[in-house]
């Protein structure tokens, strides 16, 4: 059984690969082994109790858009992580978590952020009135917020149905993350701000945001694959 657990651990490491195809295959294989041998993630984690939290930096703007901060916070929470906005050069988002959690969190955020930007760009091409700079920015911002709302709701539902961390590991991970945060000194978490929205763009963003989960492996089976940690 030790060899099986070791193999699953290696597959979990591969599931955080930047190669989306490789990551999905590795995670799916890990899922099959877990089911075949009647193992839970708690069994895997128990064989190697975490000793410290790690951090991964993701490039970000010095002034973080509301939608990006909201997305980062939602993803981090769903992966049992914490995210900090670092303004000091170079500006970045710092994801803090234990083991595979932090890798999956940073990878998922980057994938979703890139996807939402691409979808917003496509949506704006179909809005003739968006040629007016101020209106264009309002439409873009509204679309972003709608998309992130949809994604955040999907992540929250997933976390409720299939938590990343269960049992005693919750307390252990929280303690290690807080210790890591304390080492970094005074920091800022992404802040929420009020925003005026354009209804049609917001609704379009919500609709497309819901479809991200279906198309890119963030539906239940895919999200389980990404978040085996």
C-alpha atoms as a PDB file:
ATOM      1  CA  UNK A   1       0.000   0.000   0.000  1.00  0.00           C
ATOM      2  CA  UNK A   2       2.909   2.373   0.663  1.00  0.00           C
ATOM      3  CA  UNK A   3       3.946   2.115  -2.992  1.00  0.00           C
ATOM      4  CA  UNK A   4       0.405   2.940  -4.093  1.00  0.00           C
ATOM      5  CA  UNK A   5       0.318   6.000  -1.845  1.00  0.00           C
ATOM      6  CA  UNK A   6       3.711   7.110  -3.104  1.00  0.00           C
ATOM      7  CA  UNK A   7       2.507   6.764  -6.699  1.00  0.00           C
ATOM      8  CA  UNK A   8      -0.608   8.804  -5.944  1.00  0.00           C
ATOM      9  CA  UNK A   9       1.521  11.507  -4.331  1.00  0.00           C
ATOM     10  CA  UNK A  10       3.665  11.734  -7.466  1.00  0.00           C
ATOM     11  CA  UNK A  11       0.565  11.983  -9.639  1.00  0.00           C
ATOM     12  CA  UNK A  12      -0.775  14.747  -7.434  1.00  0.00           C
ATOM     13  CA  UNK A  13       2.453  16.641  -7.944  1.00  0.00           C
ATOM     14  CA  UNK A  14       2.049  16.278 -11.706  1.00  0.00           C
ATOM     15  CA  UNK A  15      -1.556  17.466 -11.464  1.00  0.00           C
ATOM     16  CA  UNK A  16      -0.200  20.952 -10.713  1.00  0.00           C
ATOM     17  CA  UNK A  17       1.784  21.004 -13.964  1.00  0.00           C
ATOM     18  CA  UNK A  18       1.537  24.095 -16.156  1.00  0.00           C
ATOM     19  CA  UNK A  19       0.775  21.707 -19.005  1.00  0.00           C
ATOM     20  CA  UNK A  20      -3.021  21.525 -18.799  1.00  0.00           C
ATOM     21  CA  UNK A  21      -3.259  18.174 -20.625  1.00  0.00           C
ATOM     22  CA  UNK A  22      -0.566  16.554 -18.478  1.00  0.00           C
ATOM     23  CA  UNK A  23      -2.141  17.919 -15.295  1.00  0.00           C
ATOM     24  CA  UNK A  24      -5.590  16.585 -16.179  1.00  0.00           C
ATOM     25  CA  UNK A  25      -4.266  13.119 -17.056  1.00  0.00           C
ATOM     26  CA  UNK A  26      -2.219  12.862 -13.865  1.00  0.00           C
ATOM     27  CA  UNK A  27      -5.114  14.012 -11.696  1.00  0.00           C
ATOM     28  CA  UNK A  28      -7.538  11.619 -13.377  1.00  0.00           C
ATOM     29  CA  UNK A  29      -5.113   8.713 -12.841  1.00  0.00           C
ATOM     30  CA  UNK A  30      -4.771   9.664  -9.185  1.00  0.00           C
ATOM     31  CA  UNK A  31      -8.552   9.687  -8.863  1.00  0.00           C
ATOM     32  CA  UNK A  32      -8.781   6.174 -10.310  1.00  0.00           C
ATOM     33  CA  UNK A  33      -6.141   4.835  -7.918  1.00  0.00           C
ATOM     34  CA  UNK A  34      -7.897   6.415  -4.952  1.00  0.00           C
ATOM     35  CA  UNK A  35     -11.176   4.793  -5.931  1.00  0.00           C
ATOM     36  CA  UNK A  36      -9.575   1.432  -6.782  1.00  0.00           C
ATOM     37  CA  UNK A  37      -7.865   1.146  -3.395  1.00  0.00           C
ATOM     38  CA  UNK A  38     -10.671   2.777  -1.401  1.00  0.00           C
ATOM     39  CA  UNK A  39      -8.437   5.622  -0.242  1.00  0.00           C
ATOM     40  CA  UNK A  40      -9.319   9.186   0.734  1.00  0.00           C
ATOM     41  CA  UNK A  41      -7.156  12.295   0.446  1.00  0.00           C
ATOM     42  CA  UNK A  42      -6.957  12.306   4.244  1.00  0.00           C
ATOM     43  CA  UNK A  43      -5.224   8.914   4.007  1.00  0.00           C
ATOM     44  CA  UNK A  44      -2.664  10.341   1.606  1.00  0.00           C
ATOM     45  CA  UNK A  45      -2.074  13.444   3.713  1.00  0.00           C
ATOM     46  CA  UNK A  46      -1.763  11.395   6.905  1.00  0.00           C
ATOM     47  CA  UNK A  47       1.261   9.570   5.526  1.00  0.00           C
ATOM     48  CA  UNK A  48       3.220  12.800   5.346  1.00  0.00           C
ATOM     49  CA  UNK A  49       1.864  15.455   7.745  1.00  0.00           C
ATOM     50  CA  UNK A  50       2.614  18.999   6.494  1.00  0.00           C
ATOM     51  CA  UNK A  51       5.338  20.857   8.341  1.00  0.00           C
ATOM     52  CA  UNK A  52       5.133  24.306   6.771  1.00  0.00           C
ATOM     53  CA  UNK A  53       3.190  26.467   4.357  1.00  0.00           C
ATOM     54  CA  UNK A  54       4.631  27.508   1.028  1.00  0.00           C
ATOM     55  CA  UNK A  55       3.983  30.501  -1.209  1.00  0.00           C
ATOM     56  CA  UNK A  56       3.819  31.111  -4.946  1.00  0.00           C
ATOM     57  CA  UNK A  57       3.895  34.543  -6.604  1.00  0.00           C
ATOM     58  CA  UNK A  58       1.738  35.498  -9.567  1.00  0.00           C
ATOM     59  CA  UNK A  59       2.380  38.781 -11.437  1.00  0.00           C
ATOM     60  CA  UNK A  60      -0.282  41.426 -10.766  1.00  0.00           C
ATOM     61  CA  UNK A  61      -0.896  45.137 -11.204  1.00  0.00           C
ATOM     62  CA  UNK A  62       0.121  47.510  -8.423  1.00  0.00           C
ATOM     63  CA  UNK A  63      -3.508  48.652  -8.340  1.00  0.00           C
ATOM     64  CA  UNK A  64      -5.436  45.417  -8.424  1.00  0.00           C
ATOM     65  CA  UNK A  65      -8.812  45.559 -10.236  1.00  0.00           C
ATOM     66  CA  UNK A  66     -11.766  44.642  -8.053  1.00  0.00           C
ATOM     67  CA  UNK A  67     -12.661  41.648 -10.175  1.00  0.00           C
ATOM     68  CA  UNK A  68      -9.112  40.239 -10.039  1.00  0.00           C
ATOM     69  CA  UNK A  69      -8.957  40.603  -6.263  1.00  0.00           C
ATOM     70  CA  UNK A  70     -12.341  38.927  -5.910  1.00  0.00           C
ATOM     71  CA  UNK A  71     -11.277  36.088  -8.190  1.00  0.00           C
ATOM     72  CA  UNK A  72      -7.995  35.575  -6.323  1.00  0.00           C
ATOM     73  CA  UNK A  73      -9.743  35.493  -2.938  1.00  0.00           C
ATOM     74  CA  UNK A  74     -12.397  33.042  -4.160  1.00  0.00           C
ATOM     75  CA  UNK A  75      -9.857  30.674  -5.677  1.00  0.00           C
ATOM     76  CA  UNK A  76      -7.601  30.811  -2.623  1.00  0.00           C
ATOM     77  CA  UNK A  77     -10.500  30.090  -0.269  1.00  0.00           C
ATOM     78  CA  UNK A  78     -11.655  27.136  -2.364  1.00  0.00           C
ATOM     79  CA  UNK A  79      -8.143  25.650  -2.159  1.00  0.00           C
ATOM     80  CA  UNK A  80      -7.659  26.182   1.598  1.00  0.00           C
ATOM     81  CA  UNK A  81      -5.170  28.970   0.889  1.00  0.00           C
ATOM     82  CA  UNK A  82      -4.705  32.662   1.578  1.00  0.00           C
ATOM     83  CA  UNK A  83      -3.790  35.321  -0.977  1.00  0.00           C
ATOM     84  CA  UNK A  84      -1.958  38.585  -0.349  1.00  0.00           C
ATOM     85  CA  UNK A  85      -1.564  41.522  -2.737  1.00  0.00           C
ATOM     86  CA  UNK A  86       2.061  42.632  -2.682  1.00  0.00           C
ATOM     87  CA  UNK A  87       2.508  46.174  -4.026  1.00  0.00           C
ATOM     88  CA  UNK A  88       6.240  46.422  -3.494  1.00  0.00           C
ATOM     89  CA  UNK A  89       8.216  45.934  -6.731  1.00  0.00           C
ATOM     90  CA  UNK A  90       7.492  43.758  -8.472  1.00  0.00           C
ATOM     91  CA  UNK A  91       3.738  43.913  -7.715  1.00  0.00           C
ATOM     92  CA  UNK A  92       2.259  40.430  -7.385  1.00  0.00           C
ATOM     93  CA  UNK A  93      -0.314  38.191  -5.769  1.00  0.00           C
ATOM     94  CA  UNK A  94       1.178  35.859  -3.197  1.00  0.00           C
ATOM     95  CA  UNK A  95      -0.733  32.610  -2.727  1.00  0.00           C
ATOM     96  CA  UNK A  96       0.049  30.919   0.583  1.00  0.00           C
ATOM     97  CA  UNK A  97      -0.924  27.329   1.296  1.00  0.00           C
ATOM     98  CA  UNK A  98       0.188  23.845   2.264  1.00  0.00           C
ATOM     99  CA  UNK A  99       1.493  21.237  -0.158  1.00  0.00           C
ATOM    100  CA  UNK A 100      -0.335  20.936  -3.474  1.00  0.00           C
ATOM    101  CA  UNK A 101      -3.006  23.437  -2.344  1.00  0.00           C
ATOM    102  CA  UNK A 102      -0.866  26.466  -3.147  1.00  0.00           C
ATOM    103  CA  UNK A 103       0.200  25.148  -6.555  1.00  0.00           C
ATOM    104  CA  UNK A 104      -3.365  24.338  -7.566  1.00  0.00           C
ATOM    105  CA  UNK A 105      -4.574  27.702  -6.243  1.00  0.00           C
ATOM    106  CA  UNK A 106      -2.063  29.772  -8.202  1.00  0.00           C
ATOM    107  CA  UNK A 107      -2.514  27.680 -11.350  1.00  0.00           C
ATOM    108  CA  UNK A 108      -6.317  27.878 -11.186  1.00  0.00           C
ATOM    109  CA  UNK A 109      -6.241  31.641 -10.659  1.00  0.00           C
ATOM    110  CA  UNK A 110      -3.962  32.225 -13.627  1.00  0.00           C
ATOM    111  CA  UNK A 111      -6.057  29.994 -15.848  1.00  0.00           C
ATOM    112  CA  UNK A 112      -9.322  31.707 -14.849  1.00  0.00           C
ATOM    113  CA  UNK A 113      -7.864  35.216 -15.048  1.00  0.00           C
ATOM    114  CA  UNK A 114      -6.542  34.591 -18.541  1.00  0.00           C
ATOM    115  CA  UNK A 115      -9.773  32.956 -19.666  1.00  0.00           C
ATOM    116  CA  UNK A 116     -11.989  35.771 -18.365  1.00  0.00           C
ATOM    117  CA  UNK A 117      -9.825  38.391 -20.074  1.00  0.00           C
ATOM    118  CA  UNK A 118     -10.070  36.508 -23.354  1.00  0.00           C
ATOM    119  CA  UNK A 119     -13.840  36.159 -23.085  1.00  0.00           C
ATOM    120  CA  UNK A 120     -14.214  39.844 -22.204  1.00  0.00           C
ATOM    121  CA  UNK A 121     -12.183  40.846 -25.233  1.00  0.00           C
ATOM    122  CA  UNK A 122     -14.417  38.742 -27.455  1.00  0.00           C
ATOM    123  CA  UNK A 123     -17.559  40.197 -25.887  1.00  0.00           C
ATOM    124  CA  UNK A 124     -16.413  43.776 -26.395  1.00  0.00           C
ATOM    125  CA  UNK A 125     -15.950  43.150 -30.110  1.00  0.00           C
ATOM    126  CA  UNK A 126     -19.697  42.679 -30.368  1.00  0.00           C
ATOM    127  CA  UNK A 127     -20.602  45.883 -28.521  1.00  0.00           C
ATOM    128  CA  UNK A 128     -20.511  48.770 -30.992  1.00  0.00           C
ATOM    129  CA  UNK A 129     -21.102  51.397 -28.326  1.00  0.00           C
ATOM    130  CA  UNK A 130     -17.946  50.256 -26.527  1.00  0.00           C
ATOM    131  CA  UNK A 131     -15.891  52.427 -28.874  1.00  0.00           C
ATOM    132  CA  UNK A 132     -16.533  55.312 -26.445  1.00  0.00           C
ATOM    133  CA  UNK A 133     -13.586  54.971 -23.985  1.00  0.00           C
ATOM    134  CA  UNK A 134     -15.461  55.616 -20.713  1.00  0.00           C
ATOM    135  CA  UNK A 135     -18.396  53.419 -21.688  1.00  0.00           C
ATOM    136  CA  UNK A 136     -16.049  50.726 -22.963  1.00  0.00           C
ATOM    137  CA  UNK A 137     -14.303  50.572 -19.602  1.00  0.00           C
ATOM    138  CA  UNK A 138     -17.604  50.355 -17.740  1.00  0.00           C
ATOM    139  CA  UNK A 139     -18.792  47.541 -20.013  1.00  0.00           C
ATOM    140  CA  UNK A 140     -15.495  45.683 -19.600  1.00  0.00           C
ATOM    141  CA  UNK A 141     -15.535  46.059 -15.815  1.00  0.00           C
ATOM    142  CA  UNK A 142     -19.163  44.910 -15.637  1.00  0.00           C
ATOM    143  CA  UNK A 143     -18.415  41.856 -17.735  1.00  0.00           C
ATOM    144  CA  UNK A 144     -15.460  40.943 -15.526  1.00  0.00           C
ATOM    145  CA  UNK A 145     -17.539  41.246 -12.360  1.00  0.00           C
ATOM    146  CA  UNK A 146     -20.348  39.140 -13.777  1.00  0.00           C
ATOM    147  CA  UNK A 147     -17.935  36.411 -14.851  1.00  0.00           C
ATOM    148  CA  UNK A 148     -16.161  36.358 -11.493  1.00  0.00           C
ATOM    149  CA  UNK A 149     -19.462  36.221  -9.626  1.00  0.00           C
ATOM    150  CA  UNK A 150     -20.430  33.100 -11.569  1.00  0.00           C
ATOM    151  CA  UNK A 151     -17.038  31.458 -11.065  1.00  0.00           C
ATOM    152  CA  UNK A 152     -17.006  32.325  -7.352  1.00  0.00           C
ATOM    153  CA  UNK A 153     -20.428  30.776  -6.868  1.00  0.00           C
ATOM    154  CA  UNK A 154     -19.279  27.607  -8.604  1.00  0.00           C
ATOM    155  CA  UNK A 155     -16.163  27.420  -6.426  1.00  0.00           C
ATOM    156  CA  UNK A 156     -18.163  28.026  -3.239  1.00  0.00           C
ATOM    157  CA  UNK A 157     -20.604  25.254  -4.156  1.00  0.00           C
ATOM    158  CA  UNK A 158     -17.768  22.881  -4.926  1.00  0.00           C
ATOM    159  CA  UNK A 159     -16.042  23.682  -1.639  1.00  0.00           C
ATOM    160  CA  UNK A 160     -19.255  22.928   0.228  1.00  0.00           C
ATOM    161  CA  UNK A 161     -19.793  19.629  -1.586  1.00  0.00           C
ATOM    162  CA  UNK A 162     -16.190  18.416  -1.740  1.00  0.00           C
ATOM    163  CA  UNK A 163     -13.938  20.366   0.645  1.00  0.00           C
ATOM    164  CA  UNK A 164     -10.256  20.496  -0.194  1.00  0.00           C
ATOM    165  CA  UNK A 165      -9.377  19.921   3.450  1.00  0.00           C
ATOM    166  CA  UNK A 166     -11.272  17.963   6.080  1.00  0.00           C
ATOM    167  CA  UNK A 167     -10.850  16.863   9.686  1.00  0.00           C
ATOM    168  CA  UNK A 168      -7.799  17.731  11.732  1.00  0.00           C
ATOM    169  CA  UNK A 169      -5.923  18.940   8.650  1.00  0.00           C
ATOM    170  CA  UNK A 170      -8.044  22.100   8.629  1.00  0.00           C
ATOM    171  CA  UNK A 171      -6.539  23.264  11.908  1.00  0.00           C
ATOM    172  CA  UNK A 172      -3.037  22.177  10.925  1.00  0.00           C
ATOM    173  CA  UNK A 173      -3.122  23.990   7.583  1.00  0.00           C
ATOM    174  CA  UNK A 174      -4.588  27.160   9.074  1.00  0.00           C
ATOM    175  CA  UNK A 175      -1.857  27.261  11.693  1.00  0.00           C
ATOM    176  CA  UNK A 176       0.917  26.774   9.147  1.00  0.00           C
ATOM    177  CA  UNK A 177      -0.532  29.422   6.819  1.00  0.00           C
ATOM    178  CA  UNK A 178      -0.839  31.952   9.628  1.00  0.00           C
ATOM    179  CA  UNK A 179       2.746  31.257  10.647  1.00  0.00           C
ATOM    180  CA  UNK A 180       3.904  31.877   7.077  1.00  0.00           C
ATOM    181  CA  UNK A 181       1.907  35.114   6.860  1.00  0.00           C
ATOM    182  CA  UNK A 182       3.401  36.318  10.147  1.00  0.00           C
ATOM    183  CA  UNK A 183       6.898  35.802   8.724  1.00  0.00           C
ATOM    184  CA  UNK A 184       6.105  38.197   5.881  1.00  0.00           C
ATOM    185  CA  UNK A 185       5.157  41.106   8.150  1.00  0.00           C
ATOM    186  CA  UNK A 186       2.311  43.610   7.597  1.00  0.00           C
ATOM    187  CA  UNK A 187       0.514  42.778   4.359  1.00  0.00           C
ATOM    188  CA  UNK A 188      -2.652  43.612   2.439  1.00  0.00           C
ATOM    189  CA  UNK A 189      -5.312  41.191   1.319  1.00  0.00           C
ATOM    190  CA  UNK A 190      -7.225  42.133  -1.854  1.00  0.00           C
ATOM    191  CA  UNK A 191      -9.858  44.737  -0.959  1.00  0.00           C
ATOM    192  CA  UNK A 192     -13.435  44.877  -2.220  1.00  0.00           C
ATOM    193  CA  UNK A 193     -14.751  48.163  -3.656  1.00  0.00           C
ATOM    194  CA  UNK A 194     -18.129  49.311  -4.932  1.00  0.00           C
ATOM    195  CA  UNK A 195     -18.485  49.447  -8.701  1.00  0.00           C
ATOM    196  CA  UNK A 196     -21.152  50.788 -11.035  1.00  0.00           C
ATOM    197  CA  UNK A 197     -22.181  48.179 -13.587  1.00  0.00           C
ATOM    198  CA  UNK A 198     -23.739  47.935 -17.026  1.00  0.00           C
ATOM    199  CA  UNK A 199     -26.506  45.340 -16.742  1.00  0.00           C
ATOM    200  CA  UNK A 200     -26.183  43.602 -20.117  1.00  0.00           C
ATOM    201  CA  UNK A 201     -22.412  43.203 -19.818  1.00  0.00           C
ATOM    202  CA  UNK A 202     -22.734  41.914 -16.257  1.00  0.00           C
ATOM    203  CA  UNK A 203     -25.323  39.334 -17.319  1.00  0.00           C
ATOM    204  CA  UNK A 204     -23.189  38.262 -20.281  1.00  0.00           C
ATOM    205  CA  UNK A 205     -20.209  37.838 -17.960  1.00  0.00           C
ATOM    206  CA  UNK A 206     -22.254  35.670 -15.611  1.00  0.00           C
ATOM    207  CA  UNK A 207     -23.407  33.475 -18.466  1.00  0.00           C
ATOM    208  CA  UNK A 208     -19.902  33.016 -19.851  1.00  0.00           C
ATOM    209  CA  UNK A 209     -18.486  32.559 -16.369  1.00  0.00           C
ATOM    210  CA  UNK A 210     -20.790  29.607 -15.778  1.00  0.00           C
ATOM    211  CA  UNK A 211     -19.627  28.074 -19.038  1.00  0.00           C
ATOM    212  CA  UNK A 212     -15.944  28.266 -18.069  1.00  0.00           C
ATOM    213  CA  UNK A 213     -16.583  25.497 -15.564  1.00  0.00           C
ATOM    214  CA  UNK A 214     -18.114  23.261 -18.215  1.00  0.00           C
ATOM    215  CA  UNK A 215     -15.478  23.821 -20.874  1.00  0.00           C
ATOM    216  CA  UNK A 216     -12.163  23.915 -19.022  1.00  0.00           C
ATOM    217  CA  UNK A 217     -12.251  21.186 -16.394  1.00  0.00           C
ATOM    218  CA  UNK A 218     -13.660  23.191 -13.513  1.00  0.00           C
ATOM    219  CA  UNK A 219     -16.936  21.275 -13.403  1.00  0.00           C
ATOM    220  CA  UNK A 220     -17.189  18.881 -10.490  1.00  0.00           C
ATOM    221  CA  UNK A 221     -15.113  16.066 -11.949  1.00  0.00           C
ATOM    222  CA  UNK A 222     -12.529  18.448 -13.377  1.00  0.00           C
ATOM    223  CA  UNK A 223     -12.318  20.570 -10.255  1.00  0.00           C
ATOM    224  CA  UNK A 224     -11.759  17.464  -8.178  1.00  0.00           C
ATOM    225  CA  UNK A 225      -8.910  16.637 -10.526  1.00  0.00           C
ATOM    226  CA  UNK A 226      -7.373  20.064 -10.185  1.00  0.00           C
ATOM    227  CA  UNK A 227      -7.783  20.207  -6.435  1.00  0.00           C
ATOM    228  CA  UNK A 228      -6.639  16.844  -5.213  1.00  0.00           C
ATOM    229  CA  UNK A 229      -4.634  18.177  -2.289  1.00  0.00           C
END
